[in-house]
Amino acid sequence: MSRRRSRKLPQILSREEIARLLAHAPSEQMRGLLMLCYFCGLRVAESVAVRWHDISWEGDEPVKLLVRHGKGDKQRIVPLSKTVRELLRQRLHLRHDPDWPVFPSRWGKPYSTRSVQHAMVKAGLAAGIRRERCRVHSLRHSFATHMLEAGADLRTIQELLGHESLATTQRYLSVTMGRKQEAVDLLE
């Protein structure tokens, strides 16, 4: 019988920490990529792969995103938050080639996941967030946890994150319960 490794609980950033982090992003492109990771729950590799043709539009209004290069090469559709819709509307004038990255590097190519992680650490440190909490994947974990705290059901979060198994998504329940326990302990 194989023993399953216990997983550490994911690092979660507060909404205030995320706002500070985004305000300290080293460039508009990096800010946009980090926003996709948080506001859409994308993995870093998924965010750098977003092209203009992956966005569904109703007139000049971006409404949803087709995540083509998910884990295991699975696809999913993610509705866009007001914040991301506004961000994309501001970049609409850059939509010349549908195959062009939405947030390209200065060479017109997608950023590497490593460069986005580096920008995350730089922004996080500038925002006063401890280095060990400055992982791009923390934005995805924060998205899921904040959705749960706001009342979204696990099945919806599972679909938004592209998890195959509901058990994977249930990890966020323990994070939320841990936060609730911390809040209750403040009364002591």
N, C-alpha and C. Protein backbone atom coordinates (compact mmCIF):
# COMPACT_ATOMS: atom_id res chain seq x y z
N MET A 1 0.84 -1.17 0.00
CA MET A 1 0.00 0.00 0.00
C MET A 1 0.89 1.24 0.00
N SER A 2 0.64 2.14 -0.93
CA SER A 2 1.47 3.35 -0.99
C SER A 2 0.89 4.42 -0.08
N ARG A 3 1.76 5.15 0.53
CA ARG A 3 1.35 6.21 1.44
C ARG A 3 1.27 7.51 0.65
N ARG A 4 0.19 8.20 0.77
CA ARG A 4 0.02 9.46 0.06
C ARG A 4 0.76 10.57 0.81
N ARG A 5 1.50 11.37 0.05
CA ARG A 5 2.22 12.47 0.67
C ARG A 5 1.22 13.52 1.13
N SER A 6 1.48 14.06 2.31
CA SER A 6 0.61 15.14 2.77
C SER A 6 1.05 16.42 2.07
N ARG A 7 0.10 17.20 1.68
CA ARG A 7 0.40 18.44 0.97
C ARG A 7 0.31 19.60 1.93
N LYS A 8 1.22 20.55 1.74
CA LYS A 8 1.14 21.78 2.52
C LYS A 8 -0.05 22.58 2.00
N LEU A 9 -0.65 23.33 2.91
CA LEU A 9 -1.74 24.20 2.47
C LEU A 9 -1.16 25.31 1.61
N PRO A 10 -1.89 25.70 0.59
CA PRO A 10 -1.38 26.74 -0.31
C PRO A 10 -1.27 28.09 0.39
N GLN A 11 -0.33 28.91 -0.06
CA GLN A 11 -0.18 30.27 0.45
C GLN A 11 -1.31 31.12 -0.13
N ILE A 12 -1.97 31.87 0.73
CA ILE A 12 -3.08 32.72 0.30
C ILE A 12 -2.72 34.17 0.62
N LEU A 13 -2.92 35.04 -0.34
CA LEU A 13 -2.71 36.47 -0.12
C LEU A 13 -4.07 37.11 0.14
N SER A 14 -4.10 38.10 0.99
CA SER A 14 -5.34 38.82 1.24
C SER A 14 -5.66 39.69 0.03
N ARG A 15 -6.88 40.18 -0.05
CA ARG A 15 -7.26 41.06 -1.17
C ARG A 15 -6.42 42.35 -1.13
N GLU A 16 -6.14 42.83 0.06
CA GLU A 16 -5.34 44.03 0.23
C GLU A 16 -3.90 43.79 -0.25
N GLU A 17 -3.34 42.63 0.07
CA GLU A 17 -1.99 42.30 -0.39
C GLU A 17 -1.95 42.20 -1.92
N ILE A 18 -2.99 41.63 -2.50
CA ILE A 18 -3.04 41.51 -3.96
C ILE A 18 -3.11 42.89 -4.60
N ALA A 19 -3.89 43.79 -4.04
CA ALA A 19 -3.98 45.15 -4.57
C ALA A 19 -2.62 45.84 -4.51
N ARG A 20 -1.92 45.70 -3.39
CA ARG A 20 -0.58 46.29 -3.24
C ARG A 20 0.39 45.68 -4.25
N LEU A 21 0.34 44.36 -4.38
CA LEU A 21 1.22 43.65 -5.30
C LEU A 21 1.02 44.14 -6.73
N LEU A 22 -0.24 44.24 -7.17
CA LEU A 22 -0.52 44.69 -8.53
C LEU A 22 -0.07 46.13 -8.75
N ALA A 23 -0.20 46.95 -7.70
CA ALA A 23 0.23 48.35 -7.81
C ALA A 23 1.75 48.46 -7.98
N HIS A 24 2.49 47.45 -7.53
CA HIS A 24 3.94 47.47 -7.62
C HIS A 24 4.50 46.62 -8.76
N ALA A 25 3.65 46.14 -9.65
CA ALA A 25 4.12 45.33 -10.79
C ALA A 25 5.13 46.16 -11.60
N PRO A 26 6.20 45.54 -12.07
CA PRO A 26 7.26 46.28 -12.76
C PRO A 26 6.88 46.83 -14.13
N SER A 27 5.80 46.35 -14.74
CA SER A 27 5.37 46.87 -16.04
C SER A 27 3.88 46.61 -16.20
N GLU A 28 3.28 47.29 -17.17
CA GLU A 28 1.85 47.08 -17.44
C GLU A 28 1.59 45.65 -17.93
N GLN A 29 2.53 45.12 -18.73
CA GLN A 29 2.38 43.74 -19.22
C GLN A 29 2.37 42.76 -18.05
N MET A 30 3.32 42.91 -17.15
CA MET A 30 3.40 42.00 -16.00
C MET A 30 2.18 42.18 -15.09
N ARG A 31 1.76 43.40 -14.92
CA ARG A 31 0.55 43.65 -14.12
C ARG A 31 -0.64 42.91 -14.75
N GLY A 32 -0.76 42.99 -16.06
CA GLY A 32 -1.84 42.30 -16.75
C GLY A 32 -1.78 40.79 -16.59
N LEU A 33 -0.59 40.22 -16.70
CA LEU A 33 -0.43 38.77 -16.54
C LEU A 33 -0.78 38.34 -15.12
N LEU A 34 -0.33 39.11 -14.13
CA LEU A 34 -0.65 38.79 -12.73
C LEU A 34 -2.16 38.93 -12.48
N MET A 35 -2.77 39.92 -13.13
CA MET A 35 -4.22 40.10 -12.99
C MET A 35 -4.97 38.91 -13.58
N LEU A 36 -4.51 38.39 -14.71
CA LEU A 36 -5.15 37.20 -15.29
C LEU A 36 -5.04 36.02 -14.33
N CYS A 37 -3.88 35.87 -13.70
CA CYS A 37 -3.70 34.76 -12.75
C CYS A 37 -4.67 34.87 -11.58
N TYR A 38 -4.86 36.09 -11.05
CA TYR A 38 -5.75 36.24 -9.90
C TYR A 38 -7.22 36.32 -10.32
N PHE A 39 -7.57 37.23 -11.19
CA PHE A 39 -8.98 37.48 -11.48
C PHE A 39 -9.63 36.39 -12.35
N CYS A 40 -8.82 35.55 -13.01
CA CYS A 40 -9.37 34.44 -13.80
C CYS A 40 -8.99 33.08 -13.22
N GLY A 41 -8.13 33.08 -12.19
CA GLY A 41 -7.70 31.82 -11.58
C GLY A 41 -6.79 31.01 -12.49
N LEU A 42 -6.03 31.70 -13.34
CA LEU A 42 -5.17 30.99 -14.30
C LEU A 42 -3.84 30.59 -13.69
N ARG A 43 -3.29 29.50 -14.20
CA ARG A 43 -1.91 29.14 -13.91
C ARG A 43 -1.02 30.11 -14.70
N VAL A 44 0.22 30.28 -14.28
CA VAL A 44 1.09 31.23 -14.97
C VAL A 44 1.29 30.83 -16.43
N ALA A 45 1.45 29.54 -16.71
CA ALA A 45 1.64 29.09 -18.09
C ALA A 45 0.40 29.39 -18.94
N GLU A 46 -0.77 29.32 -18.32
CA GLU A 46 -2.00 29.63 -19.04
C GLU A 46 -2.09 31.13 -19.34
N SER A 47 -1.66 31.96 -18.40
CA SER A 47 -1.77 33.41 -18.60
C SER A 47 -0.83 33.90 -19.71
N VAL A 48 0.40 33.38 -19.76
CA VAL A 48 1.33 33.84 -20.81
C VAL A 48 0.91 33.32 -22.19
N ALA A 49 0.09 32.28 -22.24
CA ALA A 49 -0.34 31.70 -23.52
C ALA A 49 -1.58 32.37 -24.10
N VAL A 50 -2.21 33.30 -23.38
CA VAL A 50 -3.45 33.93 -23.86
C VAL A 50 -3.17 34.80 -25.08
N ARG A 51 -3.91 34.52 -26.14
CA ARG A 51 -3.84 35.28 -27.40
C ARG A 51 -5.16 36.02 -27.58
N TRP A 52 -5.15 37.01 -28.46
CA TRP A 52 -6.37 37.79 -28.70
C TRP A 52 -7.51 36.90 -29.20
N HIS A 53 -7.21 35.87 -29.98
CA HIS A 53 -8.27 35.02 -30.51
C HIS A 53 -8.87 34.10 -29.44
N ASP A 54 -8.28 34.08 -28.24
CA ASP A 54 -8.83 33.27 -27.14
C ASP A 54 -9.93 34.01 -26.39
N ILE A 55 -10.13 35.27 -26.71
CA ILE A 55 -11.12 36.09 -26.00
C ILE A 55 -12.37 36.20 -26.85
N SER A 56 -13.53 35.91 -26.23
CA SER A 56 -14.82 36.08 -26.91
C SER A 56 -15.33 37.49 -26.65
N TRP A 57 -15.79 38.13 -27.71
CA TRP A 57 -16.22 39.52 -27.63
C TRP A 57 -17.69 39.63 -27.99
N GLU A 58 -18.35 40.56 -27.37
CA GLU A 58 -19.69 40.99 -27.78
C GLU A 58 -19.54 42.46 -28.12
N GLY A 59 -19.34 42.76 -29.40
CA GLY A 59 -18.99 44.12 -29.82
C GLY A 59 -17.59 44.41 -29.35
N ASP A 60 -17.42 45.50 -28.62
CA ASP A 60 -16.11 45.84 -28.06
C ASP A 60 -15.98 45.39 -26.62
N GLU A 61 -16.88 44.53 -26.16
CA GLU A 61 -16.90 44.05 -24.78
C GLU A 61 -16.35 42.62 -24.70
N PRO A 62 -15.17 42.46 -24.07
CA PRO A 62 -14.65 41.10 -23.86
C PRO A 62 -15.49 40.42 -22.78
N VAL A 63 -15.93 39.20 -23.01
CA VAL A 63 -16.83 38.56 -22.05
C VAL A 63 -16.30 37.25 -21.46
N LYS A 64 -15.53 36.50 -22.23
CA LYS A 64 -15.00 35.24 -21.70
C LYS A 64 -13.70 34.88 -22.39
N LEU A 65 -13.00 33.97 -21.74
CA LEU A 65 -11.68 33.58 -22.19
C LEU A 65 -11.64 32.07 -22.37
N LEU A 66 -11.15 31.63 -23.51
CA LEU A 66 -10.93 30.21 -23.74
C LEU A 66 -9.50 29.90 -23.33
N VAL A 67 -9.35 29.08 -22.29
CA VAL A 67 -8.03 28.67 -21.83
C VAL A 67 -7.69 27.42 -22.62
N ARG A 68 -6.81 27.55 -23.59
CA ARG A 68 -6.49 26.45 -24.50
C ARG A 68 -5.39 25.54 -23.98
N HIS A 69 -4.49 26.09 -23.23
CA HIS A 69 -3.30 25.33 -22.85
C HIS A 69 -3.29 25.05 -21.35
N GLY A 70 -4.38 24.47 -20.86
CA GLY A 70 -4.46 24.12 -19.45
C GLY A 70 -3.62 22.89 -19.16
N LYS A 71 -3.57 22.54 -17.90
CA LYS A 71 -2.80 21.36 -17.48
C LYS A 71 -3.36 20.13 -18.21
N GLY A 72 -2.49 19.32 -18.72
CA GLY A 72 -2.92 18.15 -19.49
C GLY A 72 -3.49 18.53 -20.83
N ASP A 73 -3.21 19.76 -21.29
CA ASP A 73 -3.70 20.30 -22.56
C ASP A 73 -5.23 20.32 -22.64
N LYS A 74 -5.88 20.42 -21.46
CA LYS A 74 -7.34 20.53 -21.43
C LYS A 74 -7.74 21.98 -21.66
N GLN A 75 -8.93 22.15 -22.21
CA GLN A 75 -9.46 23.48 -22.44
C GLN A 75 -10.61 23.76 -21.47
N ARG A 76 -10.80 25.04 -21.17
CA ARG A 76 -11.95 25.46 -20.37
C ARG A 76 -12.28 26.90 -20.72
N ILE A 77 -13.51 27.30 -20.41
CA ILE A 77 -13.93 28.67 -20.66
C ILE A 77 -14.12 29.36 -19.32
N VAL A 78 -13.55 30.55 -19.21
CA VAL A 78 -13.60 31.32 -17.96
C VAL A 78 -14.27 32.66 -18.25
N PRO A 79 -15.34 32.99 -17.52
CA PRO A 79 -15.93 34.33 -17.68
C PRO A 79 -14.97 35.38 -17.14
N LEU A 80 -15.00 36.57 -17.73
CA LEU A 80 -14.08 37.63 -17.32
C LEU A 80 -14.73 38.55 -16.29
N SER A 81 -13.99 38.88 -15.26
CA SER A 81 -14.46 39.81 -14.24
C SER A 81 -14.50 41.22 -14.83
N LYS A 82 -15.18 42.13 -14.15
CA LYS A 82 -15.24 43.52 -14.60
C LYS A 82 -13.84 44.11 -14.71
N THR A 83 -12.99 43.78 -13.76
CA THR A 83 -11.62 44.31 -13.75
C THR A 83 -10.85 43.88 -14.99
N VAL A 84 -10.95 42.61 -15.36
CA VAL A 84 -10.23 42.11 -16.54
C VAL A 84 -10.87 42.64 -17.82
N ARG A 85 -12.19 42.74 -17.84
CA ARG A 85 -12.85 43.31 -19.03
C ARG A 85 -12.36 44.73 -19.29
N GLU A 86 -12.27 45.53 -18.23
CA GLU A 86 -11.79 46.90 -18.36
C GLU A 86 -10.33 46.93 -18.84
N LEU A 87 -9.51 46.07 -18.27
CA LEU A 87 -8.11 45.98 -18.67
C LEU A 87 -7.99 45.66 -20.16
N LEU A 88 -8.77 44.71 -20.64
CA LEU A 88 -8.72 44.32 -22.06
C LEU A 88 -9.29 45.41 -22.96
N ARG A 89 -10.33 46.09 -22.51
CA ARG A 89 -10.89 47.20 -23.29
C ARG A 89 -9.83 48.28 -23.51
N GLN A 90 -9.02 48.54 -22.47
CA GLN A 90 -7.96 49.55 -22.57
C GLN A 90 -6.87 49.14 -23.57
N ARG A 91 -6.74 47.84 -23.82
CA ARG A 91 -5.71 47.32 -24.72
C ARG A 91 -6.26 47.01 -26.11
N LEU A 92 -7.51 47.29 -26.33
CA LEU A 92 -8.18 46.94 -27.58
C LEU A 92 -7.44 47.47 -28.81
N HIS A 93 -6.85 48.64 -28.69
CA HIS A 93 -6.11 49.22 -29.83
C HIS A 93 -4.89 48.39 -30.22
N LEU A 94 -4.46 47.48 -29.37
CA LEU A 94 -3.30 46.62 -29.65
C LEU A 94 -3.68 45.32 -30.35
N ARG A 95 -4.96 45.12 -30.58
CA ARG A 95 -5.46 43.86 -31.13
C ARG A 95 -5.35 43.86 -32.66
N HIS A 96 -4.13 43.82 -33.18
CA HIS A 96 -3.92 43.82 -34.63
C HIS A 96 -3.95 42.41 -35.20
N ASP A 97 -3.22 41.53 -34.58
CA ASP A 97 -3.11 40.15 -35.05
C ASP A 97 -3.77 39.25 -34.01
N PRO A 98 -4.78 38.47 -34.42
CA PRO A 98 -5.50 37.62 -33.45
C PRO A 98 -4.61 36.58 -32.77
N ASP A 99 -3.48 36.23 -33.40
CA ASP A 99 -2.59 35.23 -32.82
C ASP A 99 -1.53 35.86 -31.92
N TRP A 100 -1.59 37.18 -31.76
CA TRP A 100 -0.62 37.92 -30.95
C TRP A 100 -0.93 37.74 -29.47
N PRO A 101 0.10 37.59 -28.61
CA PRO A 101 -0.16 37.50 -27.16
C PRO A 101 -0.83 38.78 -26.66
N VAL A 102 -1.75 38.66 -25.73
CA VAL A 102 -2.44 39.82 -25.18
C VAL A 102 -1.45 40.68 -24.39
N PHE A 103 -0.52 40.04 -23.70
CA PHE A 103 0.50 40.74 -22.94
C PHE A 103 1.88 40.27 -23.42
N PRO A 104 2.33 40.83 -24.56
CA PRO A 104 3.61 40.37 -25.13
C PRO A 104 4.82 41.02 -24.45
N SER A 105 5.96 40.36 -24.58
CA SER A 105 7.22 40.95 -24.15
C SER A 105 7.58 42.04 -25.16
N ARG A 106 8.65 42.75 -24.91
CA ARG A 106 9.03 43.82 -25.85
C ARG A 106 9.45 43.28 -27.21
N TRP A 107 9.69 41.97 -27.31
CA TRP A 107 10.02 41.34 -28.59
C TRP A 107 8.79 40.78 -29.28
N GLY A 108 7.62 40.99 -28.70
CA GLY A 108 6.38 40.52 -29.31
C GLY A 108 6.08 39.06 -29.06
N LYS A 109 6.86 38.42 -28.23
CA LYS A 109 6.67 37.00 -27.91
C LYS A 109 6.03 36.89 -26.52
N PRO A 110 5.49 35.72 -26.21
CA PRO A 110 4.97 35.53 -24.84
C PRO A 110 6.12 35.56 -23.83
N TYR A 111 5.84 36.05 -22.65
CA TYR A 111 6.82 36.00 -21.57
C TYR A 111 7.03 34.56 -21.14
N SER A 112 8.17 34.28 -20.56
CA SER A 112 8.41 32.96 -19.96
C SER A 112 7.75 32.95 -18.59
N THR A 113 7.41 31.76 -18.11
CA THR A 113 6.81 31.66 -16.78
C THR A 113 7.81 32.13 -15.73
N ARG A 114 9.07 31.89 -15.98
CA ARG A 114 10.12 32.30 -15.04
C ARG A 114 10.17 33.83 -14.90
N SER A 115 10.03 34.54 -16.02
CA SER A 115 10.08 36.01 -15.95
C SER A 115 8.87 36.56 -15.20
N VAL A 116 7.73 35.90 -15.33
CA VAL A 116 6.54 36.33 -14.58
C VAL A 116 6.74 36.07 -13.09
N GLN A 117 7.34 34.92 -12.74
CA GLN A 117 7.62 34.62 -11.34
C GLN A 117 8.60 35.65 -10.77
N HIS A 118 9.59 36.01 -11.55
CA HIS A 118 10.56 37.02 -11.11
C HIS A 118 9.85 38.36 -10.85
N ALA A 119 8.96 38.75 -11.75
CA ALA A 119 8.20 40.00 -11.59
C ALA A 119 7.30 39.93 -10.35
N MET A 120 6.75 38.75 -10.08
CA MET A 120 5.90 38.56 -8.90
C MET A 120 6.71 38.80 -7.62
N VAL A 121 7.89 38.23 -7.56
CA VAL A 121 8.75 38.40 -6.37
C VAL A 121 9.11 39.88 -6.21
N LYS A 122 9.50 40.50 -7.31
CA LYS A 122 9.89 41.92 -7.28
C LYS A 122 8.73 42.79 -6.79
N ALA A 123 7.55 42.56 -7.34
CA ALA A 123 6.37 43.34 -6.94
C ALA A 123 5.99 43.04 -5.50
N GLY A 124 6.05 41.78 -5.13
CA GLY A 124 5.68 41.39 -3.76
C GLY A 124 6.59 42.01 -2.72
N LEU A 125 7.89 41.98 -2.98
CA LEU A 125 8.84 42.57 -2.03
C LEU A 125 8.62 44.09 -1.93
N ALA A 126 8.38 44.73 -3.07
CA ALA A 126 8.11 46.17 -3.07
C ALA A 126 6.81 46.49 -2.32
N ALA A 127 5.88 45.53 -2.32
CA ALA A 127 4.60 45.72 -1.63
C ALA A 127 4.66 45.30 -0.17
N GLY A 128 5.84 44.84 0.28
CA GLY A 128 5.99 44.46 1.68
C GLY A 128 5.48 43.07 2.01
N ILE A 129 5.46 42.18 1.02
CA ILE A 129 5.00 40.80 1.22
C ILE A 129 6.24 39.91 1.34
N ARG A 130 6.23 39.01 2.32
CA ARG A 130 7.38 38.12 2.53
C ARG A 130 7.66 37.30 1.27
N ARG A 131 8.94 37.11 0.97
CA ARG A 131 9.38 36.43 -0.24
C ARG A 131 8.75 35.05 -0.42
N GLU A 132 8.66 34.25 0.64
CA GLU A 132 8.11 32.89 0.51
C GLU A 132 6.63 32.89 0.13
N ARG A 133 5.97 34.03 0.27
CA ARG A 133 4.56 34.12 -0.12
C ARG A 133 4.39 34.66 -1.54
N CYS A 134 5.50 35.03 -2.17
CA CYS A 134 5.46 35.65 -3.50
C CYS A 134 5.61 34.62 -4.60
N ARG A 135 4.66 33.77 -4.75
CA ARG A 135 4.62 32.79 -5.83
C ARG A 135 3.42 33.12 -6.71
N VAL A 136 3.61 33.06 -8.01
CA VAL A 136 2.50 33.37 -8.92
C VAL A 136 1.32 32.43 -8.63
N HIS A 137 1.62 31.18 -8.30
CA HIS A 137 0.54 30.22 -8.05
C HIS A 137 -0.29 30.62 -6.82
N SER A 138 0.28 31.45 -5.94
CA SER A 138 -0.47 31.95 -4.79
C SER A 138 -1.67 32.79 -5.25
N LEU A 139 -1.56 33.42 -6.41
CA LEU A 139 -2.69 34.21 -6.93
C LEU A 139 -3.86 33.29 -7.29
N ARG A 140 -3.55 32.15 -7.86
CA ARG A 140 -4.59 31.16 -8.20
C ARG A 140 -5.23 30.60 -6.93
N HIS A 141 -4.40 30.29 -5.94
CA HIS A 141 -4.93 29.80 -4.66
C HIS A 141 -5.79 30.88 -3.99
N SER A 142 -5.34 32.11 -4.07
CA SER A 142 -6.09 33.22 -3.48
C SER A 142 -7.43 33.40 -4.18
N PHE A 143 -7.43 33.29 -5.51
CA PHE A 143 -8.66 33.36 -6.29
C PHE A 143 -9.68 32.34 -5.77
N ALA A 144 -9.24 31.09 -5.65
CA ALA A 144 -10.14 30.02 -5.21
C ALA A 144 -10.64 30.26 -3.79
N THR A 145 -9.76 30.65 -2.91
CA THR A 145 -10.14 30.87 -1.51
C THR A 145 -11.08 32.06 -1.39
N HIS A 146 -10.79 33.14 -2.09
CA HIS A 146 -11.66 34.32 -2.03
C HIS A 146 -13.03 34.02 -2.63
N MET A 147 -13.06 33.19 -3.68
CA MET A 147 -14.35 32.78 -4.26
C MET A 147 -15.16 31.98 -3.22
N LEU A 148 -14.50 31.05 -2.55
CA LEU A 148 -15.17 30.25 -1.51
C LEU A 148 -15.70 31.16 -0.40
N GLU A 149 -14.86 32.07 0.06
CA GLU A 149 -15.26 32.98 1.13
C GLU A 149 -16.43 33.87 0.71
N ALA A 150 -16.53 34.16 -0.58
CA ALA A 150 -17.62 34.99 -1.09
C ALA A 150 -18.90 34.19 -1.30
N GLY A 151 -18.82 32.85 -1.11
CA GLY A 151 -20.03 32.03 -1.21
C GLY A 151 -20.16 31.19 -2.46
N ALA A 152 -19.16 31.19 -3.33
CA ALA A 152 -19.23 30.35 -4.54
C ALA A 152 -19.16 28.88 -4.12
N ASP A 153 -19.85 28.02 -4.84
CA ASP A 153 -19.83 26.60 -4.50
C ASP A 153 -18.59 25.92 -5.09
N LEU A 154 -18.22 24.80 -4.47
CA LEU A 154 -17.00 24.09 -4.87
C LEU A 154 -17.03 23.64 -6.32
N ARG A 155 -18.16 23.18 -6.79
CA ARG A 155 -18.26 22.68 -8.17
C ARG A 155 -17.95 23.79 -9.18
N THR A 156 -18.46 24.99 -8.93
CA THR A 156 -18.19 26.13 -9.81
C THR A 156 -16.70 26.47 -9.81
N ILE A 157 -16.11 26.49 -8.61
CA ILE A 157 -14.68 26.79 -8.50
C ILE A 157 -13.86 25.71 -9.20
N GLN A 158 -14.29 24.46 -9.06
CA GLN A 158 -13.61 23.35 -9.74
C GLN A 158 -13.57 23.60 -11.25
N GLU A 159 -14.70 23.99 -11.82
CA GLU A 159 -14.77 24.23 -13.26
C GLU A 159 -13.93 25.44 -13.67
N LEU A 160 -13.97 26.51 -12.86
CA LEU A 160 -13.18 27.70 -13.18
C LEU A 160 -11.69 27.40 -13.16
N LEU A 161 -11.26 26.57 -12.22
CA LEU A 161 -9.84 26.24 -12.11
C LEU A 161 -9.41 25.14 -13.08
N GLY A 162 -10.38 24.41 -13.62
CA GLY A 162 -10.05 23.33 -14.54
C GLY A 162 -9.56 22.08 -13.84
N HIS A 163 -9.96 21.90 -12.56
CA HIS A 163 -9.57 20.69 -11.84
C HIS A 163 -10.39 19.51 -12.34
N GLU A 164 -9.74 18.40 -12.55
CA GLU A 164 -10.45 17.19 -12.97
C GLU A 164 -11.23 16.60 -11.80
N SER A 165 -10.64 16.65 -10.62
CA SER A 165 -11.24 16.04 -9.44
C SER A 165 -11.70 17.10 -8.44
N LEU A 166 -12.87 16.89 -7.89
CA LEU A 166 -13.38 17.80 -6.86
C LEU A 166 -12.50 17.75 -5.61
N ALA A 167 -11.84 16.61 -5.38
CA ALA A 167 -10.96 16.46 -4.22
C ALA A 167 -9.82 17.50 -4.27
N THR A 168 -9.35 17.81 -5.45
CA THR A 168 -8.29 18.81 -5.59
C THR A 168 -8.81 20.17 -5.14
N THR A 169 -10.01 20.50 -5.53
CA THR A 169 -10.60 21.79 -5.17
C THR A 169 -10.93 21.86 -3.68
N GLN A 170 -11.24 20.72 -3.07
CA GLN A 170 -11.61 20.70 -1.66
C GLN A 170 -10.48 21.12 -0.74
N ARG A 171 -9.25 21.14 -1.24
CA ARG A 171 -8.12 21.62 -0.42
C ARG A 171 -8.38 23.03 0.09
N TYR A 172 -9.11 23.82 -0.69
CA TYR A 172 -9.35 25.21 -0.30
C TYR A 172 -10.30 25.32 0.89
N LEU A 173 -11.09 24.27 1.12
CA LEU A 173 -11.97 24.27 2.29
C LEU A 173 -11.15 24.33 3.56
N SER A 174 -10.04 23.57 3.62
CA SER A 174 -9.23 23.58 4.83
C SER A 174 -8.56 24.93 5.04
N VAL A 175 -8.20 25.59 3.95
CA VAL A 175 -7.61 26.93 4.07
C VAL A 175 -8.65 27.86 4.67
N THR A 176 -9.86 27.81 4.14
CA THR A 176 -10.92 28.69 4.63
C THR A 176 -11.25 28.38 6.08
N MET A 177 -11.34 27.10 6.44
CA MET A 177 -11.64 26.74 7.83
C MET A 177 -10.51 27.21 8.75
N GLY A 178 -9.27 27.11 8.28
CA GLY A 178 -8.13 27.60 9.07
C GLY A 178 -8.24 29.09 9.33
N ARG A 179 -8.65 29.85 8.34
CA ARG A 179 -8.83 31.30 8.50
C ARG A 179 -9.97 31.59 9.46
N LYS A 180 -11.03 30.80 9.37
CA LYS A 180 -12.16 31.00 10.29
C LYS A 180 -11.73 30.72 11.72
N GLN A 181 -10.90 29.68 11.90
CA GLN A 181 -10.42 29.36 13.24
C GLN A 181 -9.55 30.50 13.79
N GLU A 182 -8.68 31.05 12.94
CA GLU A 182 -7.85 32.17 13.36
C GLU A 182 -8.71 33.35 13.79
N ALA A 183 -9.78 33.61 13.05
CA ALA A 183 -10.67 34.72 13.39
C ALA A 183 -11.35 34.49 14.72
N VAL A 184 -11.83 33.26 14.96
CA VAL A 184 -12.49 32.93 16.22
C VAL A 184 -11.50 33.03 17.37
N ASP A 185 -10.27 32.61 17.14
CA ASP A 185 -9.24 32.65 18.20
C ASP A 185 -8.91 34.08 18.61
N LEU A 186 -9.20 35.06 17.76
CA LEU A 186 -8.94 36.45 18.12
C LEU A 186 -9.80 36.90 19.30
N LEU A 187 -10.90 36.22 19.51
CA LEU A 187 -11.79 36.57 20.62
C LEU A 187 -11.22 36.17 21.97
N GLU A 188 -10.28 35.29 22.00
CA GLU A 188 -9.73 34.78 23.27
C GLU A 188 -8.76 35.75 23.89
